[in-house]
PDB file of N, CA and C in Angstrom:
ATOM      1  N   UNK A   1      -5.850  17.277 -43.992  1.00  0.00           N
ATOM      2  CA  UNK A   1      -5.305  15.935 -44.030  1.00  0.00           C
ATOM      3  C   UNK A   1      -3.813  16.019 -43.810  1.00  0.00           C
ATOM      4  N   UNK A   2      -3.085  16.930 -44.374  1.00  0.00           N
ATOM      5  CA  UNK A   2      -1.614  17.078 -44.152  1.00  0.00           C
ATOM      6  C   UNK A   2      -1.359  17.393 -42.675  1.00  0.00           C
ATOM      7  N   UNK A   3      -2.190  18.201 -42.101  1.00  0.00           N
ATOM      8  CA  UNK A   3      -1.939  18.517 -40.648  1.00  0.00           C
ATOM      9  C   UNK A   3      -2.089  17.306 -39.810  1.00  0.00           C
ATOM     10  N   UNK A   4      -2.875  16.356 -40.162  1.00  0.00           N
ATOM     11  CA  UNK A   4      -3.080  15.160 -39.389  1.00  0.00           C
ATOM     12  C   UNK A   4      -1.832  14.251 -39.494  1.00  0.00           C
ATOM     13  N   UNK A   5      -1.120  14.301 -40.639  1.00  0.00           N
ATOM     14  CA  UNK A   5      -0.014  13.450 -40.796  1.00  0.00           C
ATOM     15  C   UNK A   5       1.154  13.942 -39.956  1.00  0.00           C
ATOM     16  N   UNK A   6       1.252  15.235 -39.587  1.00  0.00           N
ATOM     17  CA  UNK A   6       2.352  15.724 -38.850  1.00  0.00           C
ATOM     18  C   UNK A   6       2.058  15.727 -37.311  1.00  0.00           C
ATOM     19  N   UNK A   7       0.953  15.307 -36.892  1.00  0.00           N
ATOM     20  CA  UNK A   7       0.636  15.239 -35.466  1.00  0.00           C
ATOM     21  C   UNK A   7       1.415  14.138 -34.811  1.00  0.00           C
ATOM     22  N   UNK A   8       1.948  14.368 -33.640  1.00  0.00           N
ATOM     23  CA  UNK A   8       2.591  13.310 -32.934  1.00  0.00           C
ATOM     24  C   UNK A   8       1.618  12.279 -32.445  1.00  0.00           C
ATOM     25  N   UNK A   9       1.858  11.028 -32.778  1.00  0.00           N
ATOM     26  CA  UNK A   9       0.957   9.992 -32.332  1.00  0.00           C
ATOM     27  C   UNK A   9       1.168   9.781 -30.816  1.00  0.00           C
ATOM     28  N   UNK A  10       0.041   9.536 -30.163  1.00  0.00           N
ATOM     29  CA  UNK A  10       0.093   9.405 -28.680  1.00  0.00           C
ATOM     30  C   UNK A  10      -0.296   8.044 -28.301  1.00  0.00           C
ATOM     31  N   UNK A  11       0.257   7.535 -27.224  1.00  0.00           N
ATOM     32  CA  UNK A  11       0.094   6.097 -26.829  1.00  0.00           C
ATOM     33  C   UNK A  11      -0.385   6.098 -25.371  1.00  0.00           C
ATOM     34  N   UNK A  12      -1.435   5.348 -25.142  1.00  0.00           N
ATOM     35  CA  UNK A  12      -1.989   5.264 -23.851  1.00  0.00           C
ATOM     36  C   UNK A  12      -0.993   4.611 -22.818  1.00  0.00           C
ATOM     37  N   UNK A  13      -0.833   5.240 -21.761  1.00  0.00           N
ATOM     38  CA  UNK A  13       0.105   4.680 -20.763  1.00  0.00           C
ATOM     39  C   UNK A  13      -0.721   4.091 -19.593  1.00  0.00           C
ATOM     40  N   UNK A  14      -1.866   4.612 -19.321  1.00  0.00           N
ATOM     41  CA  UNK A  14      -2.636   4.068 -18.208  1.00  0.00           C
ATOM     42  C   UNK A  14      -3.558   5.119 -17.699  1.00  0.00           C
ATOM     43  N   UNK A  15      -3.911   5.103 -16.379  1.00  0.00           N
ATOM     44  CA  UNK A  15      -4.780   6.087 -15.809  1.00  0.00           C
ATOM     45  C   UNK A  15      -4.100   6.674 -14.554  1.00  0.00           C
ATOM     46  N   UNK A  16      -4.325   7.937 -14.342  1.00  0.00           N
ATOM     47  CA  UNK A  16      -3.864   8.666 -13.156  1.00  0.00           C
ATOM     48  C   UNK A  16      -5.033   9.346 -12.561  1.00  0.00           C
ATOM     49  N   UNK A  17      -5.446   8.991 -11.363  1.00  0.00           N
ATOM     50  CA  UNK A  17      -6.585   9.519 -10.672  1.00  0.00           C
ATOM     51  C   UNK A  17      -7.836   9.488 -11.616  1.00  0.00           C
ATOM     52  N   UNK A  18      -7.999   8.329 -12.322  1.00  0.00           N
ATOM     53  CA  UNK A  18      -9.192   8.151 -13.076  1.00  0.00           C
ATOM     54  C   UNK A  18      -9.164   8.755 -14.469  1.00  0.00           C
ATOM     55  N   UNK A  19      -8.054   9.496 -14.773  1.00  0.00           N
ATOM     56  CA  UNK A  19      -7.986  10.159 -16.105  1.00  0.00           C
ATOM     57  C   UNK A  19      -7.007   9.408 -16.952  1.00  0.00           C
ATOM     58  N   UNK A  20      -7.383   9.248 -18.223  1.00  0.00           N
ATOM     59  CA  UNK A  20      -6.502   8.587 -19.193  1.00  0.00           C
ATOM     60  C   UNK A  20      -5.264   9.410 -19.410  1.00  0.00           C
ATOM     61  N   UNK A  21      -4.089   8.778 -19.436  1.00  0.00           N
ATOM     62  CA  UNK A  21      -2.844   9.485 -19.691  1.00  0.00           C
ATOM     63  C   UNK A  21      -2.267   8.956 -20.997  1.00  0.00           C
ATOM     64  N   UNK A  22      -2.019   9.868 -21.931  1.00  0.00           N
ATOM     65  CA  UNK A  22      -1.368   9.425 -23.215  1.00  0.00           C
ATOM     66  C   UNK A  22      -0.054  10.130 -23.363  1.00  0.00           C
ATOM     67  N   UNK A  23       0.891   9.389 -23.884  1.00  0.00           N
ATOM     68  CA  UNK A  23       2.281   9.850 -23.963  1.00  0.00           C
ATOM     69  C   UNK A  23       2.752   9.760 -25.418  1.00  0.00           C
ATOM     70  N   UNK A  24       3.657  10.640 -25.758  1.00  0.00           N
ATOM     71  CA  UNK A  24       4.269  10.546 -27.075  1.00  0.00           C
ATOM     72  C   UNK A  24       5.242   9.389 -27.099  1.00  0.00           C
ATOM     73  N   UNK A  25       5.621   8.969 -28.307  1.00  0.00           N
ATOM     74  CA  UNK A  25       6.566   7.842 -28.424  1.00  0.00           C
ATOM     75  C   UNK A  25       7.927   8.217 -27.781  1.00  0.00           C
ATOM     76  N   UNK A  26       8.299   9.461 -27.913  1.00  0.00           N
ATOM     77  CA  UNK A  26       9.640   9.893 -27.248  1.00  0.00           C
ATOM     78  C   UNK A  26       9.517   9.785 -25.752  1.00  0.00           C
ATOM     79  N   UNK A  27       8.376  10.160 -25.178  1.00  0.00           N
ATOM     80  CA  UNK A  27       8.240  10.112 -23.705  1.00  0.00           C
ATOM     81  C   UNK A  27       8.214   8.655 -23.258  1.00  0.00           C
ATOM     82  N   UNK A  28       7.563   7.775 -24.056  1.00  0.00           N
ATOM     83  CA  UNK A  28       7.532   6.392 -23.681  1.00  0.00           C
ATOM     84  C   UNK A  28       8.962   5.804 -23.637  1.00  0.00           C
ATOM     85  N   UNK A  29       9.793   6.196 -24.664  1.00  0.00           N
ATOM     86  CA  UNK A  29      11.156   5.764 -24.740  1.00  0.00           C
ATOM     87  C   UNK A  29      11.977   6.256 -23.512  1.00  0.00           C
ATOM     88  N   UNK A  30      11.751   7.535 -23.161  1.00  0.00           N
ATOM     89  CA  UNK A  30      12.474   8.084 -22.006  1.00  0.00           C
ATOM     90  C   UNK A  30      12.061   7.417 -20.690  1.00  0.00           C
ATOM     91  N   UNK A  31      10.710   7.121 -20.583  1.00  0.00           N
ATOM     92  CA  UNK A  31      10.237   6.379 -19.341  1.00  0.00           C
ATOM     93  C   UNK A  31      10.829   5.019 -19.274  1.00  0.00           C
ATOM     94  N   UNK A  32      10.924   4.353 -20.395  1.00  0.00           N
ATOM     95  CA  UNK A  32      11.532   2.973 -20.433  1.00  0.00           C
ATOM     96  C   UNK A  32      12.990   3.006 -19.991  1.00  0.00           C
ATOM     97  N   UNK A  33      13.708   3.968 -20.598  1.00  0.00           N
ATOM     98  CA  UNK A  33      15.149   4.090 -20.217  1.00  0.00           C
ATOM     99  C   UNK A  33      15.336   4.350 -18.760  1.00  0.00           C
ATOM    100  N   UNK A  34      14.498   5.216 -18.222  1.00  0.00           N
ATOM    101  CA  UNK A  34      14.600   5.562 -16.767  1.00  0.00           C
ATOM    102  C   UNK A  34      14.247   4.342 -15.891  1.00  0.00           C
ATOM    103  N   UNK A  35      13.189   3.628 -16.248  1.00  0.00           N
ATOM    104  CA  UNK A  35      12.814   2.447 -15.463  1.00  0.00           C
ATOM    105  C   UNK A  35      13.898   1.352 -15.569  1.00  0.00           C
ATOM    106  N   UNK A  36      14.407   1.161 -16.717  1.00  0.00           N
ATOM    107  CA  UNK A  36      15.510   0.181 -16.921  1.00  0.00           C
ATOM    108  C   UNK A  36      16.686   0.506 -16.095  1.00  0.00           C
ATOM    109  N   UNK A  37      17.043   1.823 -16.107  1.00  0.00           N
ATOM    110  CA  UNK A  37      18.228   2.317 -15.320  1.00  0.00           C
ATOM    111  C   UNK A  37      17.975   2.054 -13.816  1.00  0.00           C
ATOM    112  N   UNK A  38      16.768   2.324 -13.383  1.00  0.00           N
ATOM    113  CA  UNK A  38      16.468   2.166 -11.933  1.00  0.00           C
ATOM    114  C   UNK A  38      16.559   0.706 -11.519  1.00  0.00           C
ATOM    115  N   UNK A  39      16.059  -0.166 -12.337  1.00  0.00           N
ATOM    116  CA  UNK A  39      16.018  -1.597 -12.036  1.00  0.00           C
ATOM    117  C   UNK A  39      17.372  -2.302 -12.132  1.00  0.00           C
ATOM    118  N   UNK A  40      18.092  -2.020 -13.194  1.00  0.00           N
ATOM    119  CA  UNK A  40      19.340  -2.695 -13.574  1.00  0.00           C
ATOM    120  C   UNK A  40      20.594  -1.885 -13.316  1.00  0.00           C
ATOM    121  N   UNK A  41      20.532  -0.657 -12.868  1.00  0.00           N
ATOM    122  CA  UNK A  41      21.648   0.252 -12.646  1.00  0.00           C
ATOM    123  C   UNK A  41      22.521   0.401 -13.901  1.00  0.00           C
ATOM    124  N   UNK A  42      21.947   0.390 -15.070  1.00  0.00           N
ATOM    125  CA  UNK A  42      22.670   0.666 -16.322  1.00  0.00           C
ATOM    126  C   UNK A  42      21.613   1.063 -17.355  1.00  0.00           C
ATOM    127  N   UNK A  43      22.150   1.662 -18.390  1.00  0.00           N
ATOM    128  CA  UNK A  43      21.217   2.114 -19.476  1.00  0.00           C
ATOM    129  C   UNK A  43      21.005   1.005 -20.465  1.00  0.00           C
ATOM    130  N   UNK A  44      19.890   0.898 -21.153  1.00  0.00           N
ATOM    131  CA  UNK A  44      19.622  -0.153 -22.182  1.00  0.00           C
ATOM    132  C   UNK A  44      20.694  -0.032 -23.255  1.00  0.00           C
ATOM    133  N   UNK A  45      21.161  -1.158 -23.820  1.00  0.00           N
ATOM    134  CA  UNK A  45      22.136  -1.130 -24.830  1.00  0.00           C
ATOM    135  C   UNK A  45      21.696  -0.500 -26.167  1.00  0.00           C
ATOM    136  N   UNK A  46      20.478  -0.857 -26.533  1.00  0.00           N
ATOM    137  CA  UNK A  46      19.991  -0.387 -27.813  1.00  0.00           C
ATOM    138  C   UNK A  46      18.595   0.063 -27.660  1.00  0.00           C
ATOM    139  N   UNK A  47      18.367   1.309 -27.903  1.00  0.00           N
ATOM    140  CA  UNK A  47      17.036   1.932 -27.719  1.00  0.00           C
ATOM    141  C   UNK A  47      16.868   2.975 -28.849  1.00  0.00           C
ATOM    142  N   UNK A  48      16.019   2.715 -29.806  1.00  0.00           N
ATOM    143  CA  UNK A  48      15.922   3.550 -30.975  1.00  0.00           C
ATOM    144  C   UNK A  48      14.476   3.720 -31.434  1.00  0.00           C
ATOM    145  N   UNK A  49      14.084   4.950 -31.683  1.00  0.00           N
ATOM    146  CA  UNK A  49      12.745   5.269 -32.155  1.00  0.00           C
ATOM    147  C   UNK A  49      12.771   5.108 -33.678  1.00  0.00           C
ATOM    148  N   UNK A  50      12.054   4.166 -34.209  1.00  0.00           N
ATOM    149  CA  UNK A  50      11.949   3.921 -35.660  1.00  0.00           C
ATOM    150  C   UNK A  50      11.026   4.884 -36.286  1.00  0.00           C
ATOM    151  N   UNK A  51       9.825   4.970 -35.780  1.00  0.00           N
ATOM    152  CA  UNK A  51       8.825   5.982 -36.111  1.00  0.00           C
ATOM    153  C   UNK A  51       7.883   6.169 -34.908  1.00  0.00           C
ATOM    154  N   UNK A  52       6.742   6.786 -35.107  1.00  0.00           N
ATOM    155  CA  UNK A  52       5.880   7.066 -33.996  1.00  0.00           C
ATOM    156  C   UNK A  52       5.152   5.871 -33.487  1.00  0.00           C
ATOM    157  N   UNK A  53       5.258   4.787 -34.165  1.00  0.00           N
ATOM    158  CA  UNK A  53       4.558   3.536 -33.784  1.00  0.00           C
ATOM    159  C   UNK A  53       5.452   2.389 -33.366  1.00  0.00           C
ATOM    160  N   UNK A  54       6.717   2.466 -33.845  1.00  0.00           N
ATOM    161  CA  UNK A  54       7.661   1.319 -33.631  1.00  0.00           C
ATOM    162  C   UNK A  54       8.989   1.807 -32.987  1.00  0.00           C
ATOM    163  N   UNK A  55       9.558   0.935 -32.162  1.00  0.00           N
ATOM    164  CA  UNK A  55      10.849   1.188 -31.538  1.00  0.00           C
ATOM    165  C   UNK A  55      11.726  -0.070 -31.594  1.00  0.00           C
ATOM    166  N   UNK A  56      12.989   0.125 -31.451  1.00  0.00           N
ATOM    167  CA  UNK A  56      13.904  -0.957 -31.410  1.00  0.00           C
ATOM    168  C   UNK A  56      14.542  -0.987 -30.006  1.00  0.00           C
ATOM    169  N   UNK A  57      14.363  -2.088 -29.270  1.00  0.00           N
ATOM    170  CA  UNK A  57      14.821  -2.241 -27.891  1.00  0.00           C
ATOM    171  C   UNK A  57      15.635  -3.504 -27.780  1.00  0.00           C
ATOM    172  N   UNK A  58      16.950  -3.350 -27.548  1.00  0.00           N
ATOM    173  CA  UNK A  58      17.859  -4.463 -27.397  1.00  0.00           C
ATOM    174  C   UNK A  58      17.718  -5.450 -28.551  1.00  0.00           C
ATOM    175  N   UNK A  59      17.660  -4.968 -29.743  1.00  0.00           N
ATOM    176  CA  UNK A  59      17.532  -5.786 -30.936  1.00  0.00           C
ATOM    177  C   UNK A  59      16.178  -6.239 -31.318  1.00  0.00           C
ATOM    178  N   UNK A  60      15.196  -6.030 -30.444  1.00  0.00           N
ATOM    179  CA  UNK A  60      13.831  -6.418 -30.753  1.00  0.00           C
ATOM    180  C   UNK A  60      13.011  -5.257 -31.220  1.00  0.00           C
ATOM    181  N   UNK A  61      12.259  -5.445 -32.320  1.00  0.00           N
ATOM    182  CA  UNK A  61      11.330  -4.373 -32.781  1.00  0.00           C
ATOM    183  C   UNK A  61       9.999  -4.630 -32.138  1.00  0.00           C
ATOM    184  N   UNK A  62       9.425  -3.535 -31.563  1.00  0.00           N
ATOM    185  CA  UNK A  62       8.151  -3.647 -30.924  1.00  0.00           C
ATOM    186  C   UNK A  62       7.340  -2.394 -31.069  1.00  0.00           C
ATOM    187  N   UNK A  63       6.084  -2.394 -30.847  1.00  0.00           N
ATOM    188  CA  UNK A  63       5.219  -1.272 -30.957  1.00  0.00           C
ATOM    189  C   UNK A  63       5.471  -0.385 -29.678  1.00  0.00           C
ATOM    190  N   UNK A  64       5.262   0.905 -29.810  1.00  0.00           N
ATOM    191  CA  UNK A  64       5.440   1.796 -28.651  1.00  0.00           C
ATOM    192  C   UNK A  64       4.490   1.428 -27.563  1.00  0.00           C
ATOM    193  N   UNK A  65       3.291   1.016 -27.828  1.00  0.00           N
ATOM    194  CA  UNK A  65       2.344   0.596 -26.825  1.00  0.00           C
ATOM    195  C   UNK A  65       2.832  -0.605 -26.078  1.00  0.00           C
ATOM    196  N   UNK A  66       3.531  -1.554 -26.721  1.00  0.00           N
ATOM    197  CA  UNK A  66       4.134  -2.721 -26.023  1.00  0.00           C
ATOM    198  C   UNK A  66       5.232  -2.217 -25.111  1.00  0.00           C
ATOM    199  N   UNK A  67       5.994  -1.272 -25.538  1.00  0.00           N
ATOM    200  CA  UNK A  67       7.147  -0.737 -24.672  1.00  0.00           C
ATOM    201  C   UNK A  67       6.509  -0.016 -23.474  1.00  0.00           C
ATOM    202  N   UNK A  68       5.386   0.670 -23.642  1.00  0.00           N
ATOM    203  CA  UNK A  68       4.730   1.302 -22.476  1.00  0.00           C
ATOM    204  C   UNK A  68       4.350   0.262 -21.488  1.00  0.00           C
ATOM    205  N   UNK A  69       3.840  -0.838 -21.982  1.00  0.00           N
ATOM    206  CA  UNK A  69       3.389  -1.938 -21.048  1.00  0.00           C
ATOM    207  C   UNK A  69       4.638  -2.518 -20.336  1.00  0.00           C
ATOM    208  N   UNK A  70       5.691  -2.759 -21.136  1.00  0.00           N
ATOM    209  CA  UNK A  70       6.940  -3.297 -20.553  1.00  0.00           C
ATOM    210  C   UNK A  70       7.452  -2.380 -19.514  1.00  0.00           C
ATOM    211  N   UNK A  71       7.388  -1.089 -19.761  1.00  0.00           N
ATOM    212  CA  UNK A  71       7.833  -0.114 -18.754  1.00  0.00           C
ATOM    213  C   UNK A  71       7.073  -0.191 -17.475  1.00  0.00           C
ATOM    214  N   UNK A  72       5.784  -0.444 -17.569  1.00  0.00           N
ATOM    215  CA  UNK A  72       4.933  -0.579 -16.350  1.00  0.00           C
ATOM    216  C   UNK A  72       5.399  -1.776 -15.579  1.00  0.00           C
ATOM    217  N   UNK A  73       5.716  -2.885 -16.303  1.00  0.00           N
ATOM    218  CA  UNK A  73       6.175  -4.127 -15.624  1.00  0.00           C
ATOM    219  C   UNK A  73       7.527  -3.889 -14.956  1.00  0.00           C
ATOM    220  N   UNK A  74       8.420  -3.171 -15.638  1.00  0.00           N
ATOM    221  CA  UNK A  74       9.742  -2.859 -14.992  1.00  0.00           C
ATOM    222  C   UNK A  74       9.555  -2.051 -13.732  1.00  0.00           C
ATOM    223  N   UNK A  75       8.732  -1.044 -13.767  1.00  0.00           N
ATOM    224  CA  UNK A  75       8.488  -0.190 -12.590  1.00  0.00           C
ATOM    225  C   UNK A  75       7.842  -0.986 -11.462  1.00  0.00           C
ATOM    226  N   UNK A  76       6.950  -1.936 -11.741  1.00  0.00           N
ATOM    227  CA  UNK A  76       6.407  -2.797 -10.656  1.00  0.00           C
ATOM    228  C   UNK A  76       7.477  -3.680 -10.068  1.00  0.00           C
ATOM    229  N   UNK A  77       8.405  -4.190 -10.906  1.00  0.00           N
ATOM    230  CA  UNK A  77       9.491  -5.018 -10.453  1.00  0.00           C
ATOM    231  C   UNK A  77      10.451  -4.225  -9.570  1.00  0.00           C
ATOM    232  N   UNK A  78      10.691  -2.946  -9.968  1.00  0.00           N
ATOM    233  CA  UNK A  78      11.566  -2.127  -9.220  1.00  0.00           C
ATOM    234  C   UNK A  78      10.926  -1.741  -7.856  1.00  0.00           C
ATOM    235  N   UNK A  79       9.680  -1.490  -7.891  1.00  0.00           N
ATOM    236  CA  UNK A  79       8.963  -1.143  -6.598  1.00  0.00           C
ATOM    237  C   UNK A  79       8.944  -2.336  -5.651  1.00  0.00           C
ATOM    238  N   UNK A  80       8.753  -3.504  -6.178  1.00  0.00           N
ATOM    239  CA  UNK A  80       8.763  -4.724  -5.402  1.00  0.00           C
ATOM    240  C   UNK A  80      10.122  -4.892  -4.762  1.00  0.00           C
ATOM    241  N   UNK A  81      11.197  -4.773  -5.567  1.00  0.00           N
ATOM    242  CA  UNK A  81      12.504  -4.901  -5.105  1.00  0.00           C
ATOM    243  C   UNK A  81      12.876  -3.893  -3.983  1.00  0.00           C
ATOM    244  N   UNK A  82      12.449  -2.665  -4.258  1.00  0.00           N
ATOM    245  CA  UNK A  82      12.761  -1.628  -3.226  1.00  0.00           C
ATOM    246  C   UNK A  82      11.984  -1.934  -1.910  1.00  0.00           C
ATOM    247  N   UNK A  83      10.792  -2.475  -2.017  1.00  0.00           N
ATOM    248  CA  UNK A  83       9.965  -2.800  -0.779  1.00  0.00           C
ATOM    249  C   UNK A  83      10.668  -3.919  -0.071  1.00  0.00           C
ATOM    250  N   UNK A  84      11.198  -4.909  -0.785  1.00  0.00           N
ATOM    251  CA  UNK A  84      11.904  -5.997  -0.113  1.00  0.00           C
ATOM    252  C   UNK A  84      13.140  -5.542   0.593  1.00  0.00           C
ATOM    253  N   UNK A  85      13.894  -4.649  -0.011  1.00  0.00           N
ATOM    254  CA  UNK A  85      15.113  -4.080   0.636  1.00  0.00           C
ATOM    255  C   UNK A  85      14.716  -3.301   1.919  1.00  0.00           C
ATOM    256  N   UNK A  86      13.665  -2.533   1.806  1.00  0.00           N
ATOM    257  CA  UNK A  86      13.231  -1.739   2.962  1.00  0.00           C
ATOM    258  C   UNK A  86      12.857  -2.720   4.093  1.00  0.00           C
ATOM    259  N   UNK A  87      12.229  -3.879   3.729  1.00  0.00           N
ATOM    260  CA  UNK A  87      11.865  -4.823   4.727  1.00  0.00           C
ATOM    261  C   UNK A  87      13.093  -5.422   5.439  1.00  0.00           C
ATOM    262  N   UNK A  88      14.135  -5.693   4.665  1.00  0.00           N
ATOM    263  CA  UNK A  88      15.333  -6.260   5.242  1.00  0.00           C
ATOM    264  C   UNK A  88      16.006  -5.212   6.177  1.00  0.00           C
ATOM    265  N   UNK A  89      16.060  -3.987   5.744  1.00  0.00           N
ATOM    266  CA  UNK A  89      16.636  -2.920   6.566  1.00  0.00           C
ATOM    267  C   UNK A  89      15.869  -2.736   7.856  1.00  0.00           C
ATOM    268  N   UNK A  90      14.544  -2.759   7.771  1.00  0.00           N
ATOM    269  CA  UNK A  90      13.701  -2.572   8.938  1.00  0.00           C
ATOM    270  C   UNK A  90      13.939  -3.753   9.943  1.00  0.00           C
ATOM    271  N   UNK A  91      14.027  -4.950   9.383  1.00  0.00           N
ATOM    272  CA  UNK A  91      14.257  -6.082  10.289  1.00  0.00           C
ATOM    273  C   UNK A  91      15.620  -6.014  10.986  1.00  0.00           C
ATOM    274  N   UNK A  92      16.603  -5.492  10.277  1.00  0.00           N
ATOM    275  CA  UNK A  92      17.933  -5.327  10.854  1.00  0.00           C
ATOM    276  C   UNK A  92      17.902  -4.218  11.953  1.00  0.00           C
ATOM    277  N   UNK A  93      17.263  -3.169  11.634  1.00  0.00           N
ATOM    278  CA  UNK A  93      17.132  -2.112  12.693  1.00  0.00           C
ATOM    279  C   UNK A  93      16.409  -2.550  13.863  1.00  0.00           C
ATOM    280  N   UNK A  94      15.346  -3.253  13.678  1.00  0.00           N
ATOM    281  CA  UNK A  94      14.605  -3.831  14.858  1.00  0.00           C
ATOM    282  C   UNK A  94      15.448  -4.815  15.637  1.00  0.00           C
ATOM    283  N   UNK A  95      16.263  -5.611  14.942  1.00  0.00           N
ATOM    284  CA  UNK A  95      17.123  -6.549  15.600  1.00  0.00           C
ATOM    285  C   UNK A  95      18.163  -5.853  16.445  1.00  0.00           C
ATOM    286  N   UNK A  96      18.768  -4.771  15.843  1.00  0.00           N
ATOM    287  CA  UNK A  96      19.767  -3.998  16.608  1.00  0.00           C
ATOM    288  C   UNK A  96      19.161  -3.265  17.825  1.00  0.00           C
ATOM    289  N   UNK A  97      17.944  -2.799  17.648  1.00  0.00           N
ATOM    290  CA  UNK A  97      17.199  -2.141  18.749  1.00  0.00           C
ATOM    291  C   UNK A  97      16.988  -3.152  19.922  1.00  0.00           C
ATOM    292  N   UNK A  98      16.753  -4.391  19.541  1.00  0.00           N
ATOM    293  CA  UNK A  98      16.430  -5.413  20.548  1.00  0.00           C
ATOM    294  C   UNK A  98      17.627  -5.912  21.295  1.00  0.00           C
ATOM    295  N   UNK A  99      18.863  -5.666  20.746  1.00  0.00           N
ATOM    296  CA  UNK A  99      20.149  -6.117  21.424  1.00  0.00           C
ATOM    297  C   UNK A  99      20.733  -5.072  22.269  1.00  0.00           C
TER     298      UNK A  99
END
């Protein structure tokens, strides 16, 4: 029983090539910080691990599983933004090639 109490709790992040991927709370926190930095070009103001189930993010207390979901949303938003920028650059390049 005591050994079970000291195990790091793992949180499901999603699937990769059909396999379930589970991450520790620390890894979820690091992934969120990285995604936030990519999207907003700055680090989150307040990011604290309360325990293996709860985190504090910008003053809001949330479950680690909720933060993992939020990280997925941030990454999707970042990818969409990057795709839009690539589209603008490609249109400009094509316009310059045409002139």
